[in-house]
Amino acid sequence: MGLFRVSELVREGDNLVRIPIMGQALCAGFPSPADDFLEGALELPRWLAPNPPATFAWNISGDSMRAAGIFDRDLAVVDRSLKAGNGSVVVAAIDGEMSVKRLRIEGSVARLAFENPDLPTFAVQEAAEGEIWGVVRFSIRWHIARAGLVR
């Protein structure tokens, strides 16, 4: 097994891009971040965020996506320019609340599913208002204690 250096992951000359980290409170259908909703920024190599104006990082709260490998306090990087398809993990605005779900398309019915067998799947049409806001490109998980880290 070969070893690699972190410097090999971000090569000299790679463009770094700043991705806004979204705060907790957002409205349904919120089209773009306002300064009041930003918690900071994350610098990533462009190959991880190829469309920076459409890319945002979100703090995850709860365990509804644990079977998808997304856990409480992870950071999800969401790309609004990607087209959501069957099986995509998406951020959806549902009745005014932002949420991470798995998109399931069955015939002409789009359903949003939790990745936790204890929670139900529901049709997007069952919500008074529902919109797919973006597609989760990847998530970041801390593997150290976070007590002393700024969030």
N, C-alpha and C. Protein backbone atom coordinates (compact mmCIF):
# COMPACT_ATOMS: atom_id res chain seq x y z
N MET A 1 0.85 -1.17 0.00
CA MET A 1 0.00 0.00 0.00
C MET A 1 0.89 1.23 0.00
N GLY A 2 0.68 2.14 -0.93
CA GLY A 2 1.49 3.35 -1.03
C GLY A 2 1.04 4.42 -0.07
N LEU A 3 1.97 5.24 0.33
CA LEU A 3 1.67 6.37 1.18
C LEU A 3 1.55 7.62 0.32
N PHE A 4 0.81 8.60 0.80
CA PHE A 4 0.72 9.87 0.09
C PHE A 4 0.82 10.99 1.12
N ARG A 5 1.15 12.15 0.62
CA ARG A 5 1.22 13.33 1.47
C ARG A 5 -0.02 14.18 1.23
N VAL A 6 -0.46 14.89 2.27
CA VAL A 6 -1.61 15.77 2.13
C VAL A 6 -1.36 16.77 1.01
N SER A 7 -0.12 17.22 0.87
CA SER A 7 0.20 18.19 -0.18
C SER A 7 -0.10 17.63 -1.57
N GLU A 8 -0.16 16.31 -1.72
CA GLU A 8 -0.49 15.72 -3.01
C GLU A 8 -1.98 15.85 -3.32
N LEU A 9 -2.82 15.99 -2.27
CA LEU A 9 -4.25 16.14 -2.50
C LEU A 9 -4.58 17.54 -3.01
N VAL A 10 -3.87 18.54 -2.52
CA VAL A 10 -4.02 19.90 -3.00
C VAL A 10 -2.68 20.30 -3.57
N ARG A 11 -2.55 20.19 -4.87
CA ARG A 11 -1.29 20.46 -5.53
C ARG A 11 -1.08 21.96 -5.67
N GLU A 12 0.19 22.35 -5.69
CA GLU A 12 0.51 23.76 -5.91
C GLU A 12 -0.07 24.18 -7.26
N GLY A 13 -0.69 25.31 -7.28
CA GLY A 13 -1.31 25.79 -8.51
C GLY A 13 -2.79 25.45 -8.61
N ASP A 14 -3.29 24.50 -7.76
CA ASP A 14 -4.73 24.23 -7.75
C ASP A 14 -5.45 25.48 -7.29
N ASN A 15 -6.53 25.80 -7.94
CA ASN A 15 -7.34 26.93 -7.51
C ASN A 15 -8.14 26.53 -6.28
N LEU A 16 -8.06 27.34 -5.25
CA LEU A 16 -8.90 27.16 -4.07
C LEU A 16 -10.11 28.06 -4.22
N VAL A 17 -11.25 27.57 -3.80
CA VAL A 17 -12.48 28.35 -3.86
C VAL A 17 -13.06 28.42 -2.45
N ARG A 18 -13.75 29.52 -2.16
CA ARG A 18 -14.40 29.71 -0.86
C ARG A 18 -15.88 29.37 -1.01
N ILE A 19 -16.34 28.45 -0.17
CA ILE A 19 -17.73 27.99 -0.18
C ILE A 19 -18.38 28.50 1.09
N PRO A 20 -19.52 29.21 1.00
CA PRO A 20 -20.16 29.69 2.22
C PRO A 20 -20.73 28.54 3.05
N ILE A 21 -20.61 28.66 4.37
CA ILE A 21 -21.23 27.71 5.29
C ILE A 21 -22.53 28.34 5.76
N MET A 22 -23.63 27.68 5.47
CA MET A 22 -24.95 28.22 5.76
C MET A 22 -25.29 28.04 7.23
N GLY A 23 -26.04 28.99 7.77
CA GLY A 23 -26.53 28.92 9.13
C GLY A 23 -27.74 28.01 9.25
N GLN A 24 -28.31 27.94 10.40
CA GLN A 24 -29.41 27.01 10.67
C GLN A 24 -30.76 27.48 10.11
N ALA A 25 -31.06 28.77 10.19
CA ALA A 25 -32.40 29.26 9.83
C ALA A 25 -32.45 29.68 8.37
N LEU A 26 -33.27 28.99 7.58
CA LEU A 26 -33.48 29.35 6.18
C LEU A 26 -34.95 29.25 5.85
N CYS A 27 -35.40 30.02 4.90
CA CYS A 27 -36.79 29.98 4.45
C CYS A 27 -36.92 29.02 3.27
N ALA A 28 -38.10 28.49 3.05
CA ALA A 28 -38.35 27.63 1.88
C ALA A 28 -38.16 28.44 0.61
N GLY A 29 -37.50 27.86 -0.36
CA GLY A 29 -37.32 28.52 -1.63
C GLY A 29 -36.28 29.62 -1.60
N PHE A 30 -35.49 29.70 -0.57
CA PHE A 30 -34.47 30.73 -0.42
C PHE A 30 -33.49 30.61 -1.57
N PRO A 31 -33.41 31.56 -2.49
CA PRO A 31 -32.66 31.38 -3.73
C PRO A 31 -31.16 31.51 -3.61
N SER A 32 -30.67 32.33 -2.69
CA SER A 32 -29.23 32.50 -2.56
C SER A 32 -28.93 32.98 -1.15
N PRO A 33 -27.71 32.75 -0.65
CA PRO A 33 -27.44 33.10 0.73
C PRO A 33 -27.35 34.61 0.93
N ALA A 34 -27.89 35.05 2.04
CA ALA A 34 -27.73 36.43 2.47
C ALA A 34 -26.74 36.43 3.63
N ASP A 35 -26.06 37.53 3.85
CA ASP A 35 -25.04 37.58 4.89
C ASP A 35 -25.58 37.17 6.25
N ASP A 36 -26.86 37.46 6.54
CA ASP A 36 -27.44 37.12 7.83
C ASP A 36 -27.49 35.61 8.05
N PHE A 37 -27.41 34.82 7.00
CA PHE A 37 -27.55 33.37 7.11
C PHE A 37 -26.22 32.64 6.99
N LEU A 38 -25.11 33.35 6.90
CA LEU A 38 -23.82 32.72 6.73
C LEU A 38 -23.10 32.58 8.06
N GLU A 39 -22.43 31.44 8.25
CA GLU A 39 -21.64 31.21 9.45
C GLU A 39 -20.15 31.34 9.19
N GLY A 40 -19.74 31.39 7.95
CA GLY A 40 -18.34 31.45 7.60
C GLY A 40 -18.14 30.89 6.21
N ALA A 41 -16.91 30.47 5.94
CA ALA A 41 -16.60 29.92 4.62
C ALA A 41 -15.63 28.76 4.77
N LEU A 42 -15.63 27.89 3.79
CA LEU A 42 -14.78 26.73 3.73
C LEU A 42 -13.97 26.84 2.44
N GLU A 43 -12.66 26.70 2.53
CA GLU A 43 -11.83 26.71 1.32
C GLU A 43 -11.63 25.29 0.84
N LEU A 44 -11.92 25.07 -0.43
CA LEU A 44 -11.80 23.75 -1.05
C LEU A 44 -11.07 23.89 -2.38
N PRO A 45 -10.38 22.82 -2.81
CA PRO A 45 -9.84 22.85 -4.17
C PRO A 45 -11.00 22.86 -5.17
N ARG A 46 -10.81 23.54 -6.27
CA ARG A 46 -11.88 23.67 -7.26
C ARG A 46 -12.41 22.31 -7.74
N TRP A 47 -11.57 21.28 -7.78
CA TRP A 47 -12.06 19.98 -8.25
C TRP A 47 -13.09 19.39 -7.29
N LEU A 48 -13.14 19.83 -6.03
CA LEU A 48 -14.19 19.39 -5.11
C LEU A 48 -15.45 20.25 -5.22
N ALA A 49 -15.30 21.46 -5.71
CA ALA A 49 -16.43 22.38 -5.86
C ALA A 49 -16.30 23.06 -7.23
N PRO A 50 -16.60 22.34 -8.31
CA PRO A 50 -16.37 22.87 -9.65
C PRO A 50 -17.25 24.06 -10.02
N ASN A 51 -18.34 24.28 -9.29
CA ASN A 51 -19.21 25.42 -9.58
C ASN A 51 -19.41 26.23 -8.30
N PRO A 52 -18.40 27.00 -7.89
CA PRO A 52 -18.45 27.71 -6.60
C PRO A 52 -19.68 28.60 -6.38
N PRO A 53 -20.17 29.34 -7.38
CA PRO A 53 -21.34 30.19 -7.10
C PRO A 53 -22.59 29.40 -6.71
N ALA A 54 -22.63 28.11 -7.08
CA ALA A 54 -23.80 27.29 -6.79
C ALA A 54 -23.55 26.30 -5.65
N THR A 55 -22.43 26.44 -4.95
CA THR A 55 -22.04 25.45 -3.94
C THR A 55 -22.05 26.07 -2.54
N PHE A 56 -22.63 25.32 -1.60
CA PHE A 56 -22.78 25.77 -0.23
C PHE A 56 -22.50 24.62 0.71
N ALA A 57 -22.01 24.91 1.90
CA ALA A 57 -21.82 23.90 2.94
C ALA A 57 -22.90 24.08 4.00
N TRP A 58 -23.41 22.98 4.50
CA TRP A 58 -24.48 23.00 5.50
C TRP A 58 -24.08 22.13 6.68
N ASN A 59 -24.32 22.62 7.88
CA ASN A 59 -24.15 21.80 9.07
C ASN A 59 -25.35 20.87 9.17
N ILE A 60 -25.08 19.60 9.48
CA ILE A 60 -26.14 18.60 9.61
C ILE A 60 -26.51 18.45 11.07
N SER A 61 -27.80 18.37 11.32
CA SER A 61 -28.30 18.16 12.68
C SER A 61 -29.28 16.99 12.65
N GLY A 62 -29.06 16.01 13.50
CA GLY A 62 -29.96 14.86 13.58
C GLY A 62 -29.39 13.62 12.92
N ASP A 63 -30.14 12.53 13.02
CA ASP A 63 -29.63 11.24 12.52
C ASP A 63 -30.54 10.62 11.46
N SER A 64 -31.32 11.42 10.76
CA SER A 64 -32.25 10.86 9.79
C SER A 64 -31.57 10.33 8.53
N MET A 65 -30.27 10.61 8.34
CA MET A 65 -29.57 10.15 7.14
C MET A 65 -28.40 9.21 7.48
N ARG A 66 -28.44 8.60 8.64
CA ARG A 66 -27.31 7.79 9.10
C ARG A 66 -27.00 6.60 8.18
N ALA A 67 -28.01 6.00 7.57
CA ALA A 67 -27.76 4.87 6.66
C ALA A 67 -27.08 5.32 5.37
N ALA A 68 -27.12 6.62 5.07
CA ALA A 68 -26.42 7.18 3.91
C ALA A 68 -25.02 7.61 4.29
N GLY A 69 -24.64 7.43 5.57
CA GLY A 69 -23.31 7.82 6.02
C GLY A 69 -23.21 9.29 6.38
N ILE A 70 -24.34 9.94 6.59
CA ILE A 70 -24.37 11.36 6.99
C ILE A 70 -24.90 11.41 8.41
N PHE A 71 -24.08 11.95 9.31
CA PHE A 71 -24.40 11.93 10.74
C PHE A 71 -24.52 13.33 11.31
N ASP A 72 -25.10 13.40 12.50
CA ASP A 72 -25.22 14.64 13.25
C ASP A 72 -23.87 15.32 13.35
N ARG A 73 -23.82 16.62 13.05
CA ARG A 73 -22.64 17.48 13.11
C ARG A 73 -21.69 17.32 11.92
N ASP A 74 -22.06 16.50 10.92
CA ASP A 74 -21.28 16.46 9.68
C ASP A 74 -21.51 17.77 8.94
N LEU A 75 -20.71 17.99 7.93
CA LEU A 75 -20.84 19.16 7.06
C LEU A 75 -21.13 18.63 5.66
N ALA A 76 -22.29 18.97 5.10
CA ALA A 76 -22.66 18.53 3.75
C ALA A 76 -22.35 19.64 2.76
N VAL A 77 -21.70 19.30 1.66
CA VAL A 77 -21.41 20.26 0.60
C VAL A 77 -22.45 20.03 -0.50
N VAL A 78 -23.24 21.07 -0.76
CA VAL A 78 -24.42 20.98 -1.63
C VAL A 78 -24.19 21.82 -2.88
N ASP A 79 -24.50 21.24 -4.04
CA ASP A 79 -24.34 21.92 -5.32
C ASP A 79 -25.71 22.13 -5.94
N ARG A 80 -26.09 23.39 -6.10
CA ARG A 80 -27.40 23.72 -6.67
C ARG A 80 -27.43 23.55 -8.18
N SER A 81 -26.28 23.40 -8.83
CA SER A 81 -26.26 23.28 -10.28
C SER A 81 -26.45 21.84 -10.74
N LEU A 82 -26.37 20.88 -9.84
CA LEU A 82 -26.54 19.47 -10.22
C LEU A 82 -28.02 19.13 -10.32
N LYS A 83 -28.36 18.29 -11.29
CA LYS A 83 -29.74 17.84 -11.45
C LYS A 83 -29.95 16.63 -10.55
N ALA A 84 -30.96 16.71 -9.71
CA ALA A 84 -31.29 15.61 -8.81
C ALA A 84 -31.95 14.49 -9.60
N GLY A 85 -31.54 13.28 -9.34
CA GLY A 85 -32.14 12.11 -9.97
C GLY A 85 -32.53 11.09 -8.93
N ASN A 86 -33.13 10.01 -9.37
CA ASN A 86 -33.52 8.95 -8.45
C ASN A 86 -32.31 8.46 -7.66
N GLY A 87 -32.40 8.49 -6.35
CA GLY A 87 -31.31 8.04 -5.49
C GLY A 87 -30.40 9.16 -5.00
N SER A 88 -30.54 10.37 -5.55
CA SER A 88 -29.71 11.49 -5.10
C SER A 88 -30.02 11.85 -3.66
N VAL A 89 -28.99 12.24 -2.92
CA VAL A 89 -29.20 12.84 -1.60
C VAL A 89 -29.34 14.33 -1.86
N VAL A 90 -30.45 14.90 -1.39
CA VAL A 90 -30.77 16.28 -1.72
C VAL A 90 -31.04 17.10 -0.46
N VAL A 91 -30.91 18.41 -0.61
CA VAL A 91 -31.43 19.34 0.38
C VAL A 91 -32.73 19.83 -0.20
N ALA A 92 -33.81 19.70 0.58
CA ALA A 92 -35.13 20.10 0.13
C ALA A 92 -35.73 21.10 1.10
N ALA A 93 -36.44 22.06 0.56
CA ALA A 93 -37.23 22.98 1.38
C ALA A 93 -38.63 22.39 1.45
N ILE A 94 -39.03 21.96 2.63
CA ILE A 94 -40.32 21.30 2.81
C ILE A 94 -41.12 22.10 3.84
N ASP A 95 -42.22 22.70 3.38
CA ASP A 95 -43.06 23.51 4.25
C ASP A 95 -42.24 24.50 5.08
N GLY A 96 -41.26 25.13 4.44
CA GLY A 96 -40.48 26.16 5.09
C GLY A 96 -39.27 25.69 5.87
N GLU A 97 -39.03 24.38 5.92
CA GLU A 97 -37.89 23.84 6.66
C GLU A 97 -36.91 23.19 5.69
N MET A 98 -35.62 23.48 5.87
CA MET A 98 -34.59 22.84 5.04
C MET A 98 -34.26 21.49 5.64
N SER A 99 -34.12 20.48 4.79
CA SER A 99 -33.91 19.12 5.26
C SER A 99 -33.09 18.33 4.25
N VAL A 100 -32.34 17.36 4.73
CA VAL A 100 -31.58 16.46 3.87
C VAL A 100 -32.34 15.15 3.76
N LYS A 101 -32.57 14.70 2.53
CA LYS A 101 -33.33 13.47 2.29
C LYS A 101 -32.78 12.77 1.05
N ARG A 102 -33.18 11.50 0.87
CA ARG A 102 -32.88 10.74 -0.34
C ARG A 102 -34.08 10.89 -1.27
N LEU A 103 -33.83 11.28 -2.52
CA LEU A 103 -34.89 11.42 -3.51
C LEU A 103 -35.16 10.05 -4.14
N ARG A 104 -36.41 9.63 -4.09
CA ARG A 104 -36.84 8.38 -4.73
C ARG A 104 -37.94 8.72 -5.73
N ILE A 105 -37.75 8.33 -6.98
CA ILE A 105 -38.74 8.59 -8.02
C ILE A 105 -39.35 7.25 -8.41
N GLU A 106 -40.65 7.16 -8.19
CA GLU A 106 -41.40 5.93 -8.50
C GLU A 106 -42.49 6.29 -9.49
N GLY A 107 -42.24 5.97 -10.76
CA GLY A 107 -43.17 6.37 -11.81
C GLY A 107 -43.15 7.88 -11.94
N SER A 108 -44.30 8.51 -11.71
CA SER A 108 -44.36 9.97 -11.79
C SER A 108 -44.41 10.62 -10.40
N VAL A 109 -44.16 9.82 -9.37
CA VAL A 109 -44.22 10.33 -8.00
C VAL A 109 -42.82 10.47 -7.43
N ALA A 110 -42.50 11.67 -6.97
CA ALA A 110 -41.22 11.92 -6.31
C ALA A 110 -41.45 11.81 -4.81
N ARG A 111 -40.62 11.01 -4.16
CA ARG A 111 -40.72 10.84 -2.71
C ARG A 111 -39.40 11.21 -2.07
N LEU A 112 -39.48 11.72 -0.87
CA LEU A 112 -38.28 12.03 -0.09
C LEU A 112 -38.21 11.04 1.05
N ALA A 113 -37.06 10.39 1.17
CA ALA A 113 -36.92 9.32 2.15
C ALA A 113 -35.84 9.67 3.16
N PHE A 114 -36.11 9.33 4.39
CA PHE A 114 -35.08 9.37 5.41
C PHE A 114 -34.19 8.15 5.19
N GLU A 115 -32.94 8.23 5.56
CA GLU A 115 -32.06 7.06 5.52
C GLU A 115 -31.90 6.56 6.94
N ASN A 116 -33.05 6.31 7.55
CA ASN A 116 -33.15 5.78 8.90
C ASN A 116 -34.42 4.95 8.89
N PRO A 117 -34.31 3.63 9.07
CA PRO A 117 -35.49 2.77 8.92
C PRO A 117 -36.60 3.07 9.93
N ASP A 118 -36.32 3.84 10.96
CA ASP A 118 -37.34 4.17 11.95
C ASP A 118 -38.23 5.33 11.50
N LEU A 119 -37.89 5.97 10.36
CA LEU A 119 -38.63 7.14 9.91
C LEU A 119 -39.28 6.87 8.56
N PRO A 120 -40.45 7.48 8.27
CA PRO A 120 -41.22 7.16 7.06
C PRO A 120 -40.73 7.91 5.82
N THR A 121 -41.10 7.36 4.65
CA THR A 121 -40.93 8.04 3.37
C THR A 121 -42.23 8.77 3.09
N PHE A 122 -42.15 9.94 2.46
CA PHE A 122 -43.39 10.63 2.11
C PHE A 122 -43.26 11.24 0.73
N ALA A 123 -44.40 11.39 0.06
CA ALA A 123 -44.40 11.98 -1.28
C ALA A 123 -44.21 13.48 -1.16
N VAL A 124 -43.45 14.05 -2.08
CA VAL A 124 -43.24 15.49 -2.09
C VAL A 124 -44.59 16.20 -2.19
N GLN A 125 -45.52 15.63 -2.92
CA GLN A 125 -46.84 16.22 -3.09
C GLN A 125 -47.61 16.30 -1.78
N GLU A 126 -47.25 15.49 -0.78
CA GLU A 126 -47.93 15.52 0.52
C GLU A 126 -47.60 16.78 1.30
N ALA A 127 -46.52 17.43 0.98
CA ALA A 127 -46.14 18.67 1.66
C ALA A 127 -46.90 19.83 1.02
N ALA A 128 -47.25 20.83 1.82
CA ALA A 128 -47.93 22.01 1.28
C ALA A 128 -47.02 22.70 0.27
N GLU A 129 -45.73 22.81 0.60
CA GLU A 129 -44.74 23.39 -0.30
C GLU A 129 -43.49 22.54 -0.24
N GLY A 130 -42.97 22.18 -1.40
CA GLY A 130 -41.74 21.40 -1.44
C GLY A 130 -40.92 21.76 -2.66
N GLU A 131 -39.60 21.86 -2.46
CA GLU A 131 -38.70 22.20 -3.56
C GLU A 131 -37.35 21.54 -3.31
N ILE A 132 -36.80 20.92 -4.33
CA ILE A 132 -35.43 20.41 -4.24
C ILE A 132 -34.52 21.61 -4.38
N TRP A 133 -33.72 21.88 -3.35
CA TRP A 133 -32.87 23.07 -3.31
C TRP A 133 -31.49 22.80 -3.91
N GLY A 134 -30.97 21.59 -3.72
CA GLY A 134 -29.65 21.25 -4.24
C GLY A 134 -29.34 19.78 -4.00
N VAL A 135 -28.23 19.32 -4.56
CA VAL A 135 -27.79 17.93 -4.44
C VAL A 135 -26.54 17.89 -3.57
N VAL A 136 -26.52 16.96 -2.62
CA VAL A 136 -25.35 16.80 -1.77
C VAL A 136 -24.24 16.16 -2.61
N ARG A 137 -23.15 16.88 -2.78
CA ARG A 137 -22.01 16.39 -3.55
C ARG A 137 -21.17 15.46 -2.67
N PHE A 138 -20.91 15.85 -1.42
CA PHE A 138 -20.18 15.01 -0.46
C PHE A 138 -20.40 15.57 0.93
N SER A 139 -19.97 14.81 1.93
CA SER A 139 -20.06 15.29 3.30
C SER A 139 -18.70 15.12 3.97
N ILE A 140 -18.52 15.91 5.02
CA ILE A 140 -17.27 15.90 5.78
C ILE A 140 -17.62 15.53 7.21
N ARG A 141 -16.89 14.58 7.77
CA ARG A 141 -17.13 14.15 9.14
C ARG A 141 -15.86 14.36 9.96
N TRP A 142 -16.03 14.93 11.14
CA TRP A 142 -14.93 15.08 12.08
C TRP A 142 -14.67 13.74 12.76
N HIS A 143 -13.43 13.37 12.91
CA HIS A 143 -13.06 12.14 13.59
C HIS A 143 -12.27 12.42 14.85
N ILE A 144 -12.36 13.67 15.33
CA ILE A 144 -11.74 14.04 16.59
C ILE A 144 -12.81 14.73 17.44
N ALA A 145 -12.54 14.84 18.73
CA ALA A 145 -13.46 15.55 19.60
C ALA A 145 -13.55 17.01 19.15
N ARG A 146 -14.74 17.57 19.14
CA ARG A 146 -14.94 18.92 18.63
C ARG A 146 -15.19 19.95 19.71
N ALA A 147 -15.04 19.60 20.96
CA ALA A 147 -15.39 20.50 22.05
C ALA A 147 -14.68 21.84 21.94
N GLY A 148 -13.42 21.84 21.56
CA GLY A 148 -12.65 23.09 21.50
C GLY A 148 -12.67 23.75 20.14
N LEU A 149 -13.36 23.19 19.17
CA LEU A 149 -13.36 23.75 17.82
C LEU A 149 -14.50 24.73 17.64
N VAL A 150 -14.27 25.76 16.89
CA VAL A 150 -15.31 26.73 16.57
C VAL A 150 -16.18 26.14 15.49
N ARG A 151 -17.46 26.29 15.62
CA ARG A 151 -18.39 25.75 14.63
C ARG A 151 -19.13 26.86 13.98
